[in-house]
Amino acid sequence: MMDKRIIATPVGKAVAHSGFKPQSAVILLDYFSRKGQVLAELLSYPVEDNNIARFAYLIFAASFSTPEFHAFGGSQQSRFLPWPLRDQIYDASLYADDLLEANWYADPISTNSAQVALDWINGARLIDQEKVHSSLRAGMLLDMYRNLGWALQGIVSIISAASDSRIPDPLRPLSLRGRPDLLTSLRKLPRAITRLSFRVSSGLPDDILWMNALNQTGEQFQLSREDILGLRNNGYTRPEQLMLGTTDADRVRCEVFANAKPKPILKANWLRDRSRTWKAQERARAASRHLERAKGCREVSLVDEFYLSRGDEFEAVFEKILVHLGVVFERIDDSFKTGAPDYLIKLKNSPPLIFELKSRKGDNLVNYNGATEVLAAAEIHGHRNTFCITLCHPGVDPSVPMAITGSGRLSVVETNDLGEGLLRLCQGRLSQEQLWQWLATPGQAIGFDLPYTEH
């Protein structure tokens, strides 16, 4: 700057918060500038298992190829990969064209580690993974998975900042300047990579990742990884299957929980009942937590109304909250417009957002068709290029988030997660600009990845 001051760019801040070495960030940004569109294409609808597996492998291999895991430029790595994976174990030729390091065979530890991690998130048993090499141990693998989860979260932070459509081109890395199509592709990646980080931490395939939410601290029963994989092996992957009270469903649950104490049938009945009420209980906990934290706010009653109302009443409460928070909005859907989306939301210093409110009676979840119909409605009513959000009340079907990531202009958010974001906005812990970034990233917006507070 003219007065000699140095300012941090959004990407610079993201790198600092990620904990990455600057060299790692530069290498990764160069990789995503070259392969971002290839990676985004793998997320296209309809989502195919082979494409998601390739996406995961390439992201894992890129993470393991950075100076975080390898000595570089005279600097030692900060994290270590299992040394037995240095040998030639897996052939990565199938992925070579899209790897960060095309000459993978010169040091195959990164690609070997990526393959082992891919097997882990697809359900491989730890005891079987130890057999990959005679010197490989479970402790080494679990340490690698922890480090990979950390690296994935850092990548998410950096890509999100680098692809923010509101940033002036001069503040972007050189490799991303003047490339709007690439930026559109890169915006599809963060939420998909976040889901990968959840899968790494739990060792679960994507279709059963949601079952972790059935576990609550302090309860008599918990679903282990082996339990969840056992249910999947028997074809039970969806909430409506687990809540069945049929003889066949009881038999499958008891077989999976054969070693449960004191009796398999007790854990089987617990799972059946929990699958029927998990969303209601999740919502009740969020409402209670938000009510406690909102005691200092003037309109505390809006919290209860937000969680309990449905239909037209829910829309009325939503509007009251926006007014209270000073969020500018325009009601699009009225008696004169057929099939229009509900709202045009205008957060500060950010492009407008289309909001569609989908509320269901009881604990019914919003399915894929319900979540995506806002895209057609927005286009018909003159908002073809406007990012869309479907607010799912009380929740969204677990199969939806990964299916919509590749659209590039749609996200879904559940009531309890949006409630967390709006409460932080009310408390001054989140800006409208940060709320926009959180909402306008394709996939499912969850409370876990709300932005940090900027001072």
Protein backbone atom coordinates (compact mmCIF):
# COMPACT_ATOMS: atom_id res chain seq x y z
CA MET A 1 0.00 0.00 0.00
CA MET A 2 1.04 3.66 -0.47
CA ASP A 3 1.73 4.12 3.25
CA LYS A 4 3.91 0.96 3.36
CA ARG A 5 1.31 -1.01 5.31
CA ILE A 6 1.01 -4.72 4.63
CA ILE A 7 -2.48 -6.20 4.52
CA ALA A 8 -3.47 -9.85 4.74
CA THR A 9 -5.52 -11.18 1.85
CA PRO A 10 -8.49 -13.49 2.56
CA VAL A 11 -6.44 -16.43 1.31
CA GLY A 12 -3.51 -15.39 3.52
CA LYS A 13 -5.79 -15.34 6.55
CA ALA A 14 -7.15 -18.77 5.64
CA VAL A 15 -3.64 -20.20 5.34
CA ALA A 16 -2.71 -18.77 8.74
CA HIS A 17 -5.82 -20.24 10.38
CA SER A 18 -5.29 -23.61 8.68
CA GLY A 19 -1.91 -24.16 10.34
CA PHE A 20 -0.38 -25.09 6.98
CA LYS A 21 3.11 -24.10 5.99
CA PRO A 22 3.05 -21.40 3.29
CA GLN A 23 4.80 -23.81 0.89
CA SER A 24 1.97 -26.32 1.34
CA ALA A 25 -0.65 -23.71 0.56
CA VAL A 26 1.19 -22.58 -2.60
CA ILE A 27 1.55 -26.17 -3.83
CA LEU A 28 -2.11 -26.96 -3.14
CA LEU A 29 -3.39 -23.78 -4.80
CA ASP A 30 -1.33 -24.58 -7.87
CA TYR A 31 -2.78 -28.10 -7.92
CA PHE A 32 -6.38 -26.92 -7.60
CA SER A 33 -5.84 -24.27 -10.27
CA ARG A 34 -4.80 -27.09 -12.63
CA LYS A 35 -7.21 -29.82 -11.54
CA GLY A 36 -10.12 -27.99 -9.90
CA GLN A 37 -12.45 -28.47 -12.85
CA VAL A 38 -11.55 -32.16 -13.14
CA LEU A 39 -12.31 -32.66 -9.44
CA ALA A 40 -15.60 -30.75 -9.65
CA GLU A 41 -16.72 -32.87 -12.58
CA LEU A 42 -16.41 -35.97 -10.41
CA LEU A 43 -19.16 -34.55 -8.17
CA SER A 44 -21.67 -34.13 -11.01
CA TYR A 45 -25.21 -35.50 -10.65
CA PRO A 46 -26.08 -38.32 -10.70
CA VAL A 47 -23.41 -39.07 -8.14
CA GLU A 48 -21.54 -42.28 -8.95
CA ASP A 49 -19.62 -44.30 -6.37
CA ASN A 50 -16.61 -44.70 -8.67
CA ASN A 51 -16.36 -40.94 -9.20
CA ILE A 52 -16.61 -40.20 -5.48
CA ALA A 53 -13.91 -42.80 -4.80
CA ARG A 54 -11.63 -41.19 -7.38
CA PHE A 55 -12.35 -37.76 -5.93
CA ALA A 56 -11.48 -38.98 -2.44
CA TYR A 57 -8.27 -40.67 -3.59
CA LEU A 58 -7.03 -37.57 -5.44
CA ILE A 59 -7.78 -35.29 -2.49
CA PHE A 60 -6.09 -37.68 -0.06
CA ALA A 61 -3.03 -38.05 -2.29
CA ALA A 62 -2.76 -34.28 -2.68
CA SER A 63 -2.93 -33.84 1.10
CA PHE A 64 -0.23 -36.45 1.68
CA SER A 65 2.03 -34.95 -1.02
CA THR A 66 2.49 -31.56 0.68
CA PRO A 67 5.41 -30.38 2.82
CA GLU A 68 3.25 -31.14 5.86
CA PHE A 69 4.14 -34.81 5.29
CA HIS A 70 7.46 -34.53 3.41
CA ALA A 71 10.76 -32.72 3.96
CA PHE A 72 10.86 -29.76 1.58
CA GLY A 73 13.38 -27.00 0.86
CA GLY A 74 15.50 -27.83 3.87
CA SER A 75 12.51 -27.88 6.21
CA GLN A 76 11.35 -31.05 7.94
CA GLN A 77 7.77 -32.28 7.75
CA SER A 78 5.45 -31.51 10.66
CA ARG A 79 3.52 -34.79 10.38
CA PHE A 80 4.53 -38.31 9.46
CA LEU A 81 3.07 -41.07 7.31
CA PRO A 82 3.49 -44.75 8.30
CA TRP A 83 7.00 -45.70 7.23
CA PRO A 84 5.99 -49.23 6.04
CA LEU A 85 3.98 -47.55 3.25
CA ARG A 86 7.23 -46.37 1.60
CA ASP A 87 7.44 -49.66 -0.31
CA GLN A 88 5.84 -50.25 -3.72
CA ILE A 89 2.48 -51.64 -2.60
CA TYR A 90 -0.24 -50.16 -4.80
CA ASP A 91 -0.16 -49.15 -8.45
CA ALA A 92 -1.41 -45.56 -8.84
CA SER A 93 -1.15 -45.46 -12.64
CA LEU A 94 -4.93 -45.19 -12.95
CA TYR A 95 -4.82 -41.82 -11.19
CA ALA A 96 -1.50 -40.50 -12.55
CA ASP A 97 -2.95 -37.88 -14.92
CA ASP A 98 -4.72 -36.08 -12.06
CA LEU A 99 -2.31 -36.51 -9.15
CA LEU A 100 -0.53 -33.58 -7.53
CA GLU A 101 2.72 -35.48 -8.05
CA ALA A 102 2.55 -37.21 -11.44
CA ASN A 103 5.81 -39.13 -10.79
CA TRP A 104 4.19 -40.95 -7.89
CA TYR A 105 6.40 -44.03 -8.25
CA ALA A 106 9.50 -42.06 -7.15
CA ASP A 107 8.09 -41.88 -3.62
CA PRO A 108 4.90 -43.98 -3.39
CA ILE A 109 4.23 -43.35 0.30
CA SER A 110 1.67 -40.64 -0.55
CA THR A 111 -0.32 -42.75 -3.00
CA ASN A 112 -0.08 -45.85 -0.80
CA SER A 113 -1.43 -43.82 2.11
CA ALA A 114 -4.23 -42.45 -0.07
CA GLN A 115 -5.30 -45.97 -1.06
CA VAL A 116 -5.27 -47.18 2.54
CA ALA A 117 -7.33 -44.15 3.61
CA LEU A 118 -9.78 -44.76 0.76
CA ASP A 119 -10.23 -48.36 1.89
CA TRP A 120 -10.81 -47.12 5.45
CA ILE A 121 -13.66 -44.76 4.53
CA ASN A 122 -15.19 -47.52 2.41
CA GLY A 123 -15.44 -49.77 5.46
CA ALA A 124 -12.20 -51.78 5.61
CA ARG A 125 -11.48 -53.28 9.03
CA LEU A 126 -8.44 -51.92 10.86
CA ILE A 127 -7.22 -55.46 11.54
CA ASP A 128 -7.26 -56.18 7.81
CA GLN A 129 -5.49 -52.93 6.99
CA GLU A 130 -2.62 -53.95 9.24
CA LYS A 131 -2.01 -56.85 6.82
CA VAL A 132 -1.10 -54.43 3.99
CA HIS A 133 2.49 -54.61 5.31
CA SER A 134 4.04 -56.85 7.93
CA SER A 135 5.27 -53.85 9.93
CA LEU A 136 2.07 -51.77 9.69
CA ARG A 137 0.25 -51.22 12.99
CA ALA A 138 -3.18 -49.86 13.92
CA GLY A 139 -1.65 -46.98 15.89
CA MET A 140 0.21 -45.76 12.80
CA LEU A 141 -2.98 -45.85 10.75
CA LEU A 142 -5.14 -44.05 13.29
CA ASP A 143 -2.48 -41.35 13.63
CA MET A 144 -2.45 -40.98 9.83
CA TYR A 145 -6.25 -40.64 9.74
CA ARG A 146 -6.17 -37.92 12.43
CA ASN A 147 -3.56 -36.00 10.46
CA LEU A 148 -5.52 -36.42 7.24
CA GLY A 149 -8.67 -35.04 8.88
CA TRP A 150 -6.69 -31.99 10.00
CA ALA A 151 -5.25 -31.48 6.51
CA LEU A 152 -8.67 -31.74 4.86
CA GLN A 153 -10.10 -29.02 7.08
CA GLY A 154 -7.17 -26.77 6.16
CA ILE A 155 -7.77 -27.37 2.46
CA VAL A 156 -11.46 -26.49 2.89
CA SER A 157 -10.55 -23.20 4.54
CA ILE A 158 -8.08 -22.23 1.80
CA ILE A 159 -10.31 -23.19 -1.15
CA SER A 160 -13.32 -21.43 0.37
CA ALA A 161 -11.36 -18.20 0.71
CA ALA A 162 -9.70 -18.49 -2.70
CA SER A 163 -12.99 -19.10 -4.55
CA ASP A 164 -15.10 -16.44 -2.78
CA SER A 165 -16.85 -14.64 -5.65
CA ARG A 166 -16.83 -11.32 -3.76
CA ILE A 167 -13.03 -10.99 -3.62
CA PRO A 168 -11.47 -8.56 -6.14
CA ASP A 169 -9.19 -10.35 -8.60
CA PRO A 170 -5.99 -8.58 -7.42
CA LEU A 171 -6.48 -10.17 -3.97
CA ARG A 172 -6.56 -13.70 -5.36
CA PRO A 173 -3.57 -15.98 -5.95
CA LEU A 174 -2.11 -15.37 -9.41
CA SER A 175 -3.14 -18.79 -10.69
CA LEU A 176 -6.84 -18.02 -10.05
CA ARG A 177 -7.08 -14.52 -11.50
CA GLY A 178 -9.29 -13.98 -14.53
CA ARG A 179 -10.71 -17.52 -14.38
CA PRO A 180 -14.38 -17.28 -13.35
CA ASP A 181 -15.21 -20.78 -14.60
CA LEU A 182 -12.48 -22.26 -12.43
CA LEU A 183 -13.76 -20.35 -9.39
CA THR A 184 -17.24 -21.76 -9.98
CA SER A 185 -15.76 -25.26 -10.04
CA LEU A 186 -13.70 -24.69 -6.91
CA ARG A 187 -16.77 -23.58 -4.95
CA LYS A 188 -18.19 -27.09 -5.39
CA LEU A 189 -15.29 -28.68 -3.52
CA PRO A 190 -15.30 -27.45 0.12
CA ARG A 191 -18.45 -29.20 1.32
CA ALA A 192 -17.52 -32.43 -0.45
CA ILE A 193 -14.08 -32.34 1.21
CA THR A 194 -15.69 -31.59 4.58
CA ARG A 195 -17.79 -34.74 4.21
CA LEU A 196 -14.60 -36.64 3.42
CA SER A 197 -13.09 -35.39 6.68
CA PHE A 198 -16.13 -36.72 8.57
CA ARG A 199 -15.77 -40.04 6.78
CA VAL A 200 -12.07 -40.24 7.67
CA SER A 201 -12.78 -39.59 11.35
CA SER A 202 -15.49 -42.27 11.44
CA GLY A 203 -14.28 -44.71 8.79
CA LEU A 204 -17.69 -44.88 7.13
CA PRO A 205 -19.09 -44.84 3.58
CA ASP A 206 -21.08 -41.73 2.67
CA ASP A 207 -24.52 -43.37 2.65
CA ILE A 208 -24.33 -44.34 6.33
CA LEU A 209 -22.40 -41.36 7.66
CA TRP A 210 -25.63 -39.96 9.10
CA MET A 211 -25.94 -42.86 11.59
CA ASN A 212 -23.28 -41.28 13.79
CA ALA A 213 -25.91 -38.69 14.71
CA LEU A 214 -27.93 -41.41 16.45
CA ASN A 215 -25.29 -41.61 19.20
CA GLN A 216 -25.67 -39.37 22.24
CA THR A 217 -23.28 -39.03 25.16
CA GLY A 218 -24.33 -40.74 28.37
CA GLU A 219 -26.78 -43.23 26.88
CA GLN A 220 -26.80 -46.95 27.63
CA PHE A 221 -26.25 -47.88 23.99
CA GLN A 222 -24.00 -46.52 21.24
CA LEU A 223 -23.60 -47.52 17.60
CA SER A 224 -20.03 -48.58 16.93
CA ARG A 225 -18.40 -48.47 13.50
CA GLU A 226 -18.80 -52.24 13.31
CA ASP A 227 -22.52 -51.93 14.15
CA ILE A 228 -23.11 -49.36 11.42
CA LEU A 229 -21.19 -51.36 8.81
CA GLY A 230 -23.07 -54.50 9.87
CA LEU A 231 -26.40 -52.77 9.27
CA ARG A 232 -25.19 -51.63 5.86
CA ASN A 233 -24.09 -55.13 4.95
CA ASN A 234 -27.67 -56.23 5.61
CA GLY A 235 -29.07 -53.50 3.35
CA TYR A 236 -30.17 -51.15 6.16
CA THR A 237 -28.87 -47.69 5.27
CA ARG A 238 -31.84 -45.32 5.62
CA PRO A 239 -33.80 -43.98 8.62
CA GLU A 240 -37.11 -45.46 7.44
CA GLN A 241 -35.50 -48.90 7.29
CA LEU A 242 -34.01 -48.75 10.78
CA MET A 243 -37.31 -47.66 12.33
CA LEU A 244 -39.27 -50.62 10.96
CA GLY A 245 -40.96 -52.85 13.55
CA THR A 246 -41.27 -55.89 11.30
CA THR A 247 -40.05 -59.36 12.17
CA ASP A 248 -37.30 -59.18 9.52
CA ALA A 249 -36.08 -55.80 10.79
CA ASP A 250 -36.00 -57.09 14.38
CA ARG A 251 -34.03 -60.13 13.26
CA VAL A 252 -31.44 -58.05 11.37
CA ARG A 253 -30.94 -55.67 14.28
CA CYS A 254 -30.54 -58.53 16.75
CA GLU A 255 -28.04 -60.30 14.47
CA VAL A 256 -25.95 -57.15 14.11
CA PHE A 257 -26.05 -56.60 17.89
CA ALA A 258 -25.48 -60.25 18.77
CA ASN A 259 -22.78 -59.37 21.32
CA ALA A 260 -24.64 -56.44 22.90
CA LYS A 261 -25.03 -56.42 26.69
CA PRO A 262 -27.24 -57.08 28.53
CA LYS A 263 -29.38 -58.37 25.62
CA PRO A 264 -29.29 -57.83 21.84
CA ILE A 265 -33.04 -57.18 21.74
CA LEU A 266 -32.68 -54.19 24.08
CA LYS A 267 -30.16 -52.48 21.81
CA ALA A 268 -32.24 -53.45 18.76
CA ASN A 269 -35.31 -51.77 20.27
CA TRP A 270 -33.24 -48.72 21.22
CA LEU A 271 -32.10 -48.32 17.61
CA ARG A 272 -35.65 -48.73 16.29
CA ASP A 273 -36.99 -46.05 18.62
CA ARG A 274 -34.02 -43.71 18.16
CA SER A 275 -34.40 -43.84 14.37
CA ARG A 276 -37.98 -42.61 14.78
CA THR A 277 -37.15 -39.69 17.06
CA TRP A 278 -33.54 -38.64 16.33
CA LYS A 279 -34.44 -35.52 14.35
CA ALA A 280 -37.01 -34.40 16.91
CA GLN A 281 -34.52 -34.90 19.73
CA GLU A 282 -31.78 -33.13 17.78
CA ARG A 283 -34.10 -30.18 17.20
CA ALA A 284 -35.22 -30.11 20.86
CA ARG A 285 -31.60 -30.01 22.06
CA ALA A 286 -30.79 -27.19 19.65
CA ALA A 287 -33.85 -25.21 20.74
CA SER A 288 -32.96 -25.62 24.42
CA ARG A 289 -29.33 -24.64 23.80
CA HIS A 290 -30.28 -21.60 21.73
CA LEU A 291 -32.91 -20.46 24.24
CA GLU A 292 -30.30 -20.50 26.99
CA ARG A 293 -27.79 -18.53 24.91
CA ALA A 294 -30.40 -16.04 23.65
CA LYS A 295 -31.38 -14.80 27.09
CA GLY A 296 -29.58 -11.53 26.43
CA CYS A 297 -31.49 -10.91 23.18
CA ARG A 298 -34.62 -8.76 23.08
CA GLU A 299 -36.80 -11.21 21.13
CA VAL A 300 -36.13 -14.51 22.91
CA SER A 301 -39.63 -15.81 22.10
CA LEU A 302 -38.66 -16.01 18.42
CA VAL A 303 -36.39 -18.96 19.19
CA ASP A 304 -39.28 -21.14 20.38
CA GLU A 305 -41.49 -20.01 17.51
CA PHE A 306 -38.74 -20.76 14.99
CA TYR A 307 -38.49 -24.39 16.07
CA LEU A 308 -42.17 -25.14 16.76
CA SER A 309 -44.01 -23.50 13.85
CA ARG A 310 -44.81 -24.99 10.44
CA GLY A 311 -46.15 -23.79 7.08
CA ASP A 312 -47.33 -20.17 6.87
CA GLU A 313 -46.58 -19.64 10.57
CA PHE A 314 -42.98 -20.68 10.01
CA GLU A 315 -42.61 -18.18 7.15
CA ALA A 316 -44.05 -15.43 9.38
CA VAL A 317 -41.54 -16.22 12.15
CA PHE A 318 -38.70 -16.34 9.62
CA GLU A 319 -39.61 -12.83 8.42
CA LYS A 320 -39.76 -11.52 12.00
CA ILE A 321 -36.27 -12.86 12.66
CA LEU A 322 -34.85 -11.24 9.52
CA VAL A 323 -36.40 -7.90 10.48
CA HIS A 324 -35.02 -8.20 14.02
CA LEU A 325 -31.53 -8.94 12.69
CA GLY A 326 -31.60 -6.11 10.15
CA VAL A 327 -31.38 -8.45 7.16
CA VAL A 328 -32.85 -6.96 4.01
CA PHE A 329 -35.23 -9.27 2.16
CA GLU A 330 -37.90 -9.28 -0.51
CA ARG A 331 -40.90 -11.60 -0.55
CA ILE A 332 -41.13 -13.07 -4.07
CA ASP A 333 -43.87 -15.67 -3.60
CA ASP A 334 -47.27 -14.01 -3.47
CA SER A 335 -50.79 -14.62 -4.76
CA PHE A 336 -49.89 -13.14 -8.15
CA LYS A 337 -46.88 -15.37 -8.94
CA THR A 338 -47.28 -19.08 -9.57
CA GLY A 339 -44.49 -21.37 -8.39
CA ALA A 340 -42.16 -18.56 -7.30
CA PRO A 341 -39.43 -19.11 -4.68
CA ASP A 342 -40.14 -17.62 -1.27
CA TYR A 343 -37.54 -14.91 -0.64
CA LEU A 344 -34.70 -12.88 -2.07
CA ILE A 345 -32.27 -12.28 0.82
CA LYS A 346 -29.77 -9.41 0.58
CA LEU A 347 -26.92 -9.78 3.07
CA LYS A 348 -24.46 -6.90 3.38
CA ASN A 349 -21.77 -6.47 0.70
CA SER A 350 -22.81 -9.76 -0.93
CA PRO A 351 -24.81 -10.95 -3.95
CA PRO A 352 -28.49 -11.73 -3.23
CA LEU A 353 -29.63 -15.24 -2.31
CA ILE A 354 -32.85 -17.06 -3.15
CA PHE A 355 -34.41 -18.72 -0.09
CA GLU A 356 -37.02 -21.46 -0.24
CA LEU A 357 -38.62 -22.65 3.01
CA LYS A 358 -39.65 -26.30 3.11
CA SER A 359 -41.42 -27.38 6.28
CA ARG A 360 -42.75 -30.89 6.84
CA LYS A 361 -45.28 -32.14 9.37
CA GLY A 362 -44.00 -34.31 12.20
CA ASP A 363 -40.50 -35.63 11.64
CA ASN A 364 -40.74 -36.13 7.88
CA LEU A 365 -37.56 -35.05 6.11
CA VAL A 366 -37.20 -32.98 2.93
CA ASN A 367 -36.25 -35.26 0.03
CA TYR A 368 -34.15 -34.59 -3.09
CA ASN A 369 -37.06 -33.28 -5.18
CA GLY A 370 -38.19 -30.96 -2.41
CA ALA A 371 -34.67 -29.66 -1.87
CA THR A 372 -33.94 -28.97 -5.55
CA GLU A 373 -37.20 -27.55 -6.93
CA VAL A 374 -36.07 -24.06 -5.92
CA LEU A 375 -33.57 -24.10 -8.80
CA ALA A 376 -36.30 -24.31 -11.46
CA ALA A 377 -38.49 -21.82 -9.60
CA ALA A 378 -35.66 -19.29 -9.40
CA GLU A 379 -34.85 -19.63 -13.10
CA ILE A 380 -38.46 -19.23 -14.19
CA HIS A 381 -38.81 -16.05 -12.15
CA GLY A 382 -35.70 -14.30 -13.43
CA HIS A 383 -33.01 -15.46 -11.00
CA ARG A 384 -31.18 -17.96 -13.18
CA ASN A 385 -27.71 -17.09 -11.86
CA THR A 386 -28.67 -16.44 -8.23
CA PHE A 387 -27.44 -18.89 -5.61
CA CYS A 388 -30.30 -20.81 -3.96
CA ILE A 389 -30.81 -22.14 -0.44
CA THR A 390 -33.48 -24.56 0.72
CA LEU A 391 -34.22 -24.28 4.43
CA CYS A 392 -35.34 -27.76 5.51
CA HIS A 393 -37.65 -27.79 8.51
CA PRO A 394 -37.26 -29.97 10.51
CA GLY A 395 -34.49 -31.63 8.45
CA VAL A 396 -33.18 -32.96 5.15
CA ASP A 397 -32.96 -36.57 4.01
CA PRO A 398 -29.38 -37.89 4.53
CA SER A 399 -29.10 -38.81 0.84
CA VAL A 400 -29.49 -35.20 -0.35
CA PRO A 401 -26.28 -33.31 0.66
CA MET A 402 -23.81 -35.21 -1.52
CA ALA A 403 -26.26 -35.37 -4.43
CA ILE A 404 -26.59 -31.57 -4.70
CA THR A 405 -22.95 -30.56 -4.24
CA GLY A 406 -22.20 -30.77 -7.94
CA SER A 407 -24.98 -28.35 -8.88
CA GLY A 408 -22.78 -25.39 -8.00
CA ARG A 409 -25.62 -23.08 -6.99
CA LEU A 410 -27.64 -24.86 -4.30
CA SER A 411 -27.20 -25.51 -0.63
CA VAL A 412 -29.52 -26.97 2.00
CA VAL A 413 -29.60 -26.03 5.65
CA GLU A 414 -31.56 -27.53 8.52
CA THR A 415 -33.45 -25.45 11.06
CA ASN A 416 -31.09 -26.11 13.96
CA ASP A 417 -28.00 -25.20 11.90
CA LEU A 418 -29.50 -21.97 10.54
CA GLY A 419 -30.68 -21.21 14.06
CA GLU A 420 -27.06 -21.38 15.23
CA GLY A 421 -25.94 -19.04 12.46
CA LEU A 422 -28.71 -16.51 13.11
CA LEU A 423 -28.05 -16.56 16.86
CA ARG A 424 -24.34 -15.82 16.29
CA LEU A 425 -25.37 -13.00 13.97
CA CYS A 426 -27.61 -11.60 16.72
CA GLN A 427 -24.76 -11.84 19.25
CA GLY A 428 -22.27 -10.11 16.96
CA ARG A 429 -20.14 -13.26 16.66
CA LEU A 430 -20.84 -13.56 12.94
CA SER A 431 -21.13 -10.92 10.25
CA GLN A 432 -23.67 -10.89 7.44
CA GLU A 433 -20.78 -11.31 5.01
CA GLN A 434 -19.64 -14.46 6.83
CA LEU A 435 -23.21 -15.79 6.93
CA TRP A 436 -23.38 -15.34 3.15
CA GLN A 437 -20.16 -17.32 2.66
CA TRP A 438 -21.50 -20.14 4.82
CA LEU A 439 -24.86 -20.29 3.06
CA ALA A 440 -23.60 -19.77 -0.50
CA THR A 441 -21.30 -22.81 -0.57
CA PRO A 442 -22.83 -25.77 -2.47
CA GLY A 443 -23.86 -28.75 -0.33
CA GLN A 444 -25.22 -28.83 3.21
CA ALA A 445 -24.48 -25.89 5.49
CA ILE A 446 -23.91 -27.30 8.99
CA GLY A 447 -23.18 -25.57 12.27
CA PHE A 448 -19.80 -27.32 12.48
CA ASP A 449 -18.36 -25.26 9.61
CA LEU A 450 -19.69 -21.83 10.56
CA PRO A 451 -16.88 -19.29 10.10
CA TYR A 452 -14.71 -18.25 13.02
CA THR A 453 -15.24 -14.85 14.63
CA GLU A 454 -13.20 -12.08 12.99
CA HIS A 455 -11.93 -9.22 15.16
